[in-house]
Amino acid sequence: MRLRPDLYSFGLAIALCGCGQDLAPQPAASQVASPATPTAANSADSSEPVVAQNASIIAAPADAALPSPEQMAPEEATAPAELTEAQRAFRELVTASEGGDPDGWSTAAGKIGVLGPEALPALTEGLTAKTPLEREMAAIFLAQLGSEAEPAIPQLTTALGDSSPFVRVNAAATLAFFPDHVATAMPALLELLKNVDPNVRQTAAIAIGNCGDLLADGIAPLQELLHDPESSVRLAAVRALGQLGKSATPALAAIRTLEADDDEGVRTAAASAIQLISAESDAP
């Protein structure tokens, strides 16, 4: 699997800037959400998807003597299953993220990249982890898999209701790879264009541009981003509008204003978008 630079940089930024925080309070241990039911985004009283507690942890008083392996039943004394290579790499990724270790993060990310589709089970498992950072890392690398993430579509669809916008935007971007699931992803992507984090807005705009033709009511949110204070977001928005071609004709006037943008990359992208949209509009 070749890592996509846009999502790779986004993932590294999330991992090292402390963005792995839930927007909703964590539920008590007894509040287990149904894994088949998406949680409501940004809802203060919604339950996070919760994974089962480690079966090897035994609740006992501090001074209570735990049974020795010889005293345990054969099935209880069985050693835990060995982690797969992908699970180990994913744990290394999360550990590096928690410790703010960019070199460790890049090394672990490289391992997952080499594994490619073989990492899918570990990433799908991570998408339902208890901590938001684990879910965010899993969502980012599922997006890296692109169309190879197809077996994870049910979990990605559920993740559209995650409390973390980073999980939602990467889940939606991955679903947008599949024509039959663009309609499912599009409402989330349009909503995330308004997110307070510029990385989320940028990723949502890129994903929309990759979707091909867009309904007319989706042009306006992208057009609004042409005036975003972040040049990276303006760049993503104008490129997305250019990719949408003729359907972005209503945004041409706004795009022309970017020909005088302070950022050279934005100016270049605006000129290219104008050509693309105009060429399709003039075509018979």
Protein backbone atom coordinates (compact mmCIF):
# COMPACT_ATOMS: atom_id res chain seq x y z
CA MET A 1 0.00 0.00 0.00
CA ARG A 2 1.39 3.40 -0.95
CA LEU A 3 0.65 5.97 1.73
CA ARG A 4 -1.31 8.99 0.52
CA PRO A 5 0.70 12.12 1.51
CA ASP A 6 -2.36 14.20 2.35
CA LEU A 7 -3.82 11.68 4.80
CA TYR A 8 -0.37 10.62 6.06
CA SER A 9 0.47 14.22 7.06
CA PHE A 10 -2.99 14.62 8.52
CA GLY A 11 -2.54 11.49 10.62
CA LEU A 12 0.86 12.60 11.89
CA ALA A 13 -0.56 16.00 12.82
CA ILE A 14 -3.41 14.40 14.77
CA ALA A 15 -1.07 11.98 16.48
CA LEU A 16 1.33 14.65 17.70
CA CYS A 17 -0.91 17.64 18.46
CA GLY A 18 -3.15 15.95 21.03
CA CYS A 19 -6.30 15.90 18.93
CA GLY A 20 -7.25 12.45 20.12
CA GLN A 21 -9.83 13.70 22.58
CA ASP A 22 -13.49 12.86 22.63
CA LEU A 23 -16.02 15.64 22.15
CA ALA A 24 -18.50 13.73 24.29
CA PRO A 25 -17.96 12.37 27.80
CA GLN A 26 -16.79 8.79 28.14
CA PRO A 27 -19.53 6.43 29.35
CA ALA A 28 -19.29 4.46 32.55
CA ALA A 29 -18.04 0.91 32.18
CA SER A 30 -21.58 -0.43 32.38
CA GLN A 31 -22.83 1.76 29.53
CA VAL A 32 -22.02 -0.44 26.56
CA ALA A 33 -23.29 0.82 23.21
CA SER A 34 -24.59 -1.61 20.65
CA PRO A 35 -21.86 -2.10 18.01
CA ALA A 36 -24.49 -2.08 15.28
CA THR A 37 -25.88 1.31 16.29
CA PRO A 38 -23.99 4.49 15.29
CA THR A 39 -23.49 6.93 18.14
CA ALA A 40 -24.86 10.43 17.66
CA ALA A 41 -22.10 12.84 16.65
CA ASN A 42 -21.20 15.52 19.21
CA SER A 43 -24.04 14.44 21.50
CA ALA A 44 -23.27 15.06 25.14
CA ASP A 45 -25.33 12.11 26.26
CA SER A 46 -24.45 9.63 23.53
CA SER A 47 -22.61 6.43 24.36
CA GLU A 48 -19.24 5.65 22.83
CA PRO A 49 -18.74 2.28 21.15
CA VAL A 50 -17.11 0.22 23.89
CA VAL A 51 -14.98 -2.86 23.50
CA ALA A 52 -15.12 -5.71 25.98
CA GLN A 53 -12.87 -5.52 29.01
CA ASN A 54 -9.74 -7.66 28.97
CA ALA A 55 -10.78 -11.06 30.23
CA SER A 56 -7.46 -11.50 32.01
CA ILE A 57 -8.19 -8.64 34.40
CA ILE A 58 -9.73 -10.01 37.57
CA ALA A 59 -11.55 -7.65 39.93
CA ALA A 60 -10.41 -8.57 43.45
CA PRO A 61 -9.51 -6.82 46.72
CA ALA A 62 -5.92 -5.59 46.86
CA ASP A 63 -4.95 -8.17 49.49
CA ALA A 64 -6.72 -11.10 47.83
CA ALA A 65 -4.47 -13.89 46.56
CA LEU A 66 -4.98 -14.68 42.90
CA PRO A 67 -4.96 -18.36 41.86
CA SER A 68 -1.72 -19.73 40.50
CA PRO A 69 -1.62 -21.14 36.96
CA GLU A 70 -1.53 -24.65 38.47
CA GLN A 71 -4.79 -23.96 40.36
CA MET A 72 -6.58 -22.62 37.32
CA ALA A 73 -8.66 -24.72 34.96
CA PRO A 74 -6.85 -25.60 31.71
CA GLU A 75 -8.96 -23.17 29.69
CA GLU A 76 -8.26 -20.38 32.22
CA ALA A 77 -4.52 -20.99 32.19
CA THR A 78 -4.30 -20.74 28.41
CA ALA A 79 -1.98 -17.95 27.31
CA PRO A 80 -3.59 -15.07 25.39
CA ALA A 81 -3.48 -15.35 21.63
CA GLU A 82 -0.34 -13.95 20.06
CA LEU A 83 -0.80 -10.60 18.35
CA THR A 84 -0.62 -10.48 14.58
CA GLU A 85 2.05 -8.38 12.91
CA ALA A 86 -0.60 -5.78 12.03
CA GLN A 87 -1.91 -5.63 15.61
CA ARG A 88 1.63 -5.10 16.92
CA ALA A 89 2.25 -2.34 14.38
CA PHE A 90 -1.04 -0.68 15.27
CA ARG A 91 -0.18 -0.77 18.98
CA GLU A 92 3.20 0.77 18.19
CA LEU A 93 1.41 3.48 16.22
CA VAL A 94 -0.90 4.33 19.11
CA THR A 95 1.95 4.25 21.65
CA ALA A 96 4.02 6.64 19.51
CA SER A 97 0.98 8.91 19.15
CA GLU A 98 0.40 8.98 22.89
CA GLY A 99 4.08 9.71 23.53
CA GLY A 100 4.44 12.37 20.85
CA ASP A 101 7.14 10.34 19.06
CA PRO A 102 7.19 11.29 15.34
CA ASP A 103 9.96 8.84 14.45
CA GLY A 104 8.17 5.96 16.17
CA TRP A 105 4.91 6.99 14.50
CA SER A 106 6.50 7.04 11.05
CA THR A 107 8.12 3.66 11.61
CA ALA A 108 4.85 2.06 12.72
CA ALA A 109 2.95 3.75 9.90
CA GLY A 110 5.48 2.36 7.44
CA LYS A 111 4.91 -1.17 8.77
CA ILE A 112 1.16 -0.82 8.32
CA GLY A 113 1.71 0.57 4.84
CA VAL A 114 3.82 -2.42 3.85
CA LEU A 115 1.20 -4.83 5.18
CA GLY A 116 -1.51 -3.16 3.09
CA PRO A 117 -4.76 -5.19 3.03
CA GLU A 118 -3.29 -7.61 5.58
CA ALA A 119 -3.68 -4.83 8.15
CA LEU A 120 -7.44 -4.59 7.51
CA PRO A 121 -8.57 -6.82 10.44
CA ALA A 122 -6.42 -4.91 12.95
CA LEU A 123 -7.58 -1.54 11.62
CA THR A 124 -11.23 -2.59 11.61
CA GLU A 125 -10.83 -3.71 15.21
CA GLY A 126 -9.22 -0.37 16.07
CA LEU A 127 -12.19 1.48 14.61
CA THR A 128 -14.33 0.24 17.52
CA ALA A 129 -11.71 0.77 20.24
CA LYS A 130 -12.59 2.54 23.47
CA THR A 131 -10.17 5.46 23.13
CA PRO A 132 -10.73 8.14 20.49
CA LEU A 133 -7.04 8.19 19.54
CA GLU A 134 -7.12 4.50 18.56
CA ARG A 135 -10.28 5.04 16.52
CA GLU A 136 -8.75 8.07 14.81
CA MET A 137 -5.57 6.21 13.85
CA ALA A 138 -7.61 3.25 12.56
CA ALA A 139 -9.85 5.53 10.49
CA ILE A 140 -6.89 7.33 8.95
CA PHE A 141 -5.19 4.12 7.84
CA LEU A 142 -8.42 2.59 6.57
CA ALA A 143 -8.70 5.69 4.37
CA GLN A 144 -5.16 4.95 3.17
CA LEU A 145 -6.37 1.53 1.99
CA GLY A 146 -8.97 3.16 -0.24
CA SER A 147 -10.99 0.62 -2.21
CA GLU A 148 -9.18 -2.24 -0.43
CA ALA A 149 -11.09 -1.28 2.73
CA GLU A 150 -14.36 -2.63 1.27
CA PRO A 151 -14.77 -5.42 3.89
CA ALA A 152 -14.88 -2.71 6.58
CA ILE A 153 -17.82 -0.83 5.03
CA PRO A 154 -20.28 -1.79 7.83
CA GLN A 155 -17.89 -0.54 10.52
CA LEU A 156 -17.06 2.59 8.52
CA THR A 157 -20.76 3.36 8.14
CA THR A 158 -21.24 3.04 11.90
CA ALA A 159 -18.20 5.29 12.42
CA LEU A 160 -20.03 8.16 10.69
CA GLY A 161 -21.72 8.60 14.08
CA ASP A 162 -18.46 8.68 16.07
CA SER A 163 -17.95 11.54 18.53
CA SER A 164 -14.56 12.38 16.96
CA PRO A 165 -14.68 14.46 13.76
CA PHE A 166 -11.37 12.91 12.71
CA VAL A 167 -12.95 9.46 12.76
CA ARG A 168 -16.03 10.71 10.92
CA VAL A 169 -14.17 12.51 8.16
CA ASN A 170 -11.84 9.60 7.40
CA ALA A 171 -14.68 7.08 7.55
CA ALA A 172 -16.71 9.22 5.13
CA ALA A 173 -13.70 9.75 2.85
CA THR A 174 -13.16 5.99 2.68
CA LEU A 175 -16.82 5.26 1.96
CA ALA A 176 -16.65 7.82 -0.85
CA PHE A 177 -14.29 5.47 -2.72
CA PHE A 178 -17.30 3.22 -3.38
CA PRO A 179 -19.95 4.58 -5.80
CA ASP A 180 -22.74 2.73 -4.01
CA HIS A 181 -21.84 4.44 -0.72
CA VAL A 182 -21.23 8.03 -1.86
CA ALA A 183 -24.80 8.96 -0.94
CA THR A 184 -24.18 7.62 2.57
CA ALA A 185 -20.91 9.54 2.98
CA MET A 186 -21.96 12.84 1.40
CA PRO A 187 -24.13 14.28 4.24
CA ALA A 188 -21.29 13.69 6.71
CA LEU A 189 -18.72 15.25 4.38
CA LEU A 190 -20.85 18.33 3.78
CA GLU A 191 -21.36 18.75 7.52
CA LEU A 192 -17.63 18.39 8.18
CA LEU A 193 -16.84 21.21 5.75
CA LYS A 194 -18.00 23.47 8.59
CA ASN A 195 -15.84 21.85 11.29
CA VAL A 196 -13.68 24.11 13.44
CA ASP A 197 -10.52 22.13 12.63
CA PRO A 198 -8.93 23.11 9.28
CA ASN A 199 -7.52 19.59 8.77
CA VAL A 200 -11.05 18.19 8.92
CA ARG A 201 -12.40 20.82 6.51
CA GLN A 202 -9.52 20.17 4.12
CA THR A 203 -9.96 16.39 4.15
CA ALA A 204 -13.73 16.67 3.65
CA ALA A 205 -13.23 18.98 0.65
CA ILE A 206 -10.68 16.62 -0.92
CA ALA A 207 -13.03 13.67 -0.46
CA ILE A 208 -15.95 15.53 -2.05
CA GLY A 209 -13.80 16.44 -5.03
CA ASN A 210 -12.96 12.77 -5.49
CA CYS A 211 -16.64 11.84 -5.62
CA GLY A 212 -17.21 13.12 -9.15
CA ASP A 213 -20.53 14.76 -9.98
CA LEU A 214 -22.16 16.47 -7.02
CA LEU A 215 -25.73 17.58 -6.50
CA ALA A 216 -26.21 21.32 -6.94
CA ASP A 217 -26.96 21.84 -3.24
CA GLY A 218 -23.44 20.67 -2.41
CA ILE A 219 -21.68 23.41 -4.38
CA ALA A 220 -22.51 26.22 -1.94
CA PRO A 221 -20.68 24.69 1.08
CA LEU A 222 -17.55 24.21 -1.02
CA GLN A 223 -17.87 27.74 -2.38
CA GLU A 224 -17.95 29.11 1.16
CA LEU A 225 -14.56 27.50 1.82
CA LEU A 226 -13.01 29.59 -0.96
CA HIS A 227 -12.87 32.37 1.65
CA ASP A 228 -11.49 30.16 4.43
CA PRO A 229 -8.70 31.79 6.49
CA GLU A 230 -6.51 28.70 5.95
CA SER A 231 -4.84 28.54 2.54
CA SER A 232 -4.75 24.72 2.68
CA VAL A 233 -8.53 24.67 2.98
CA ARG A 234 -9.01 27.20 0.15
CA LEU A 235 -6.71 25.07 -2.00
CA ALA A 236 -8.66 21.88 -1.28
CA ALA A 237 -11.98 23.61 -1.97
CA VAL A 238 -10.99 25.15 -5.29
CA ARG A 239 -9.43 21.89 -6.47
CA ALA A 240 -12.60 20.02 -5.51
CA LEU A 241 -14.75 22.48 -7.45
CA GLY A 242 -12.48 22.08 -10.47
CA GLN A 243 -12.82 18.30 -10.29
CA LEU A 244 -16.61 18.65 -10.21
CA GLY A 245 -16.50 20.35 -13.60
CA LYS A 246 -19.66 21.74 -15.16
CA SER A 247 -21.73 21.28 -12.00
CA ALA A 248 -19.49 23.87 -10.29
CA THR A 249 -20.37 26.60 -12.82
CA PRO A 250 -22.32 28.62 -10.18
CA ALA A 251 -19.05 28.99 -8.23
CA LEU A 252 -17.02 30.40 -11.15
CA ALA A 253 -17.28 34.02 -10.03
CA ALA A 254 -16.07 33.16 -6.54
CA ILE A 255 -13.24 31.04 -7.94
CA ARG A 256 -12.07 33.96 -10.11
CA THR A 257 -11.46 36.02 -6.96
CA LEU A 258 -8.78 33.51 -5.95
CA GLU A 259 -6.67 34.46 -8.97
CA ALA A 260 -5.46 37.28 -6.70
CA ASP A 261 -5.00 35.08 -3.61
CA ASP A 262 -1.93 35.60 -1.43
CA ASP A 263 -0.99 31.93 -1.81
CA GLU A 264 0.63 30.94 -5.10
CA GLY A 265 -0.70 27.38 -4.89
CA VAL A 266 -4.25 28.67 -4.50
CA ARG A 267 -3.83 31.03 -7.46
CA THR A 268 -2.56 28.20 -9.65
CA ALA A 269 -5.38 25.87 -8.58
CA ALA A 270 -7.96 28.60 -9.23
CA ALA A 271 -6.70 29.11 -12.79
CA SER A 272 -6.82 25.36 -13.39
CA ALA A 273 -10.33 25.05 -11.94
CA ILE A 274 -11.60 27.88 -14.13
CA GLN A 275 -10.26 26.10 -17.22
CA LEU A 276 -11.78 22.76 -16.22
CA ILE A 277 -15.21 24.17 -15.40
CA SER A 278 -15.32 26.45 -18.45
CA ALA A 279 -14.23 23.67 -20.81
CA GLU A 280 -17.04 21.38 -19.64
CA SER A 281 -19.57 24.22 -19.70
CA ASP A 282 -18.69 25.07 -23.32
CA ALA A 283 -18.71 21.46 -24.45
CA PRO A 284 -21.72 20.49 -26.62
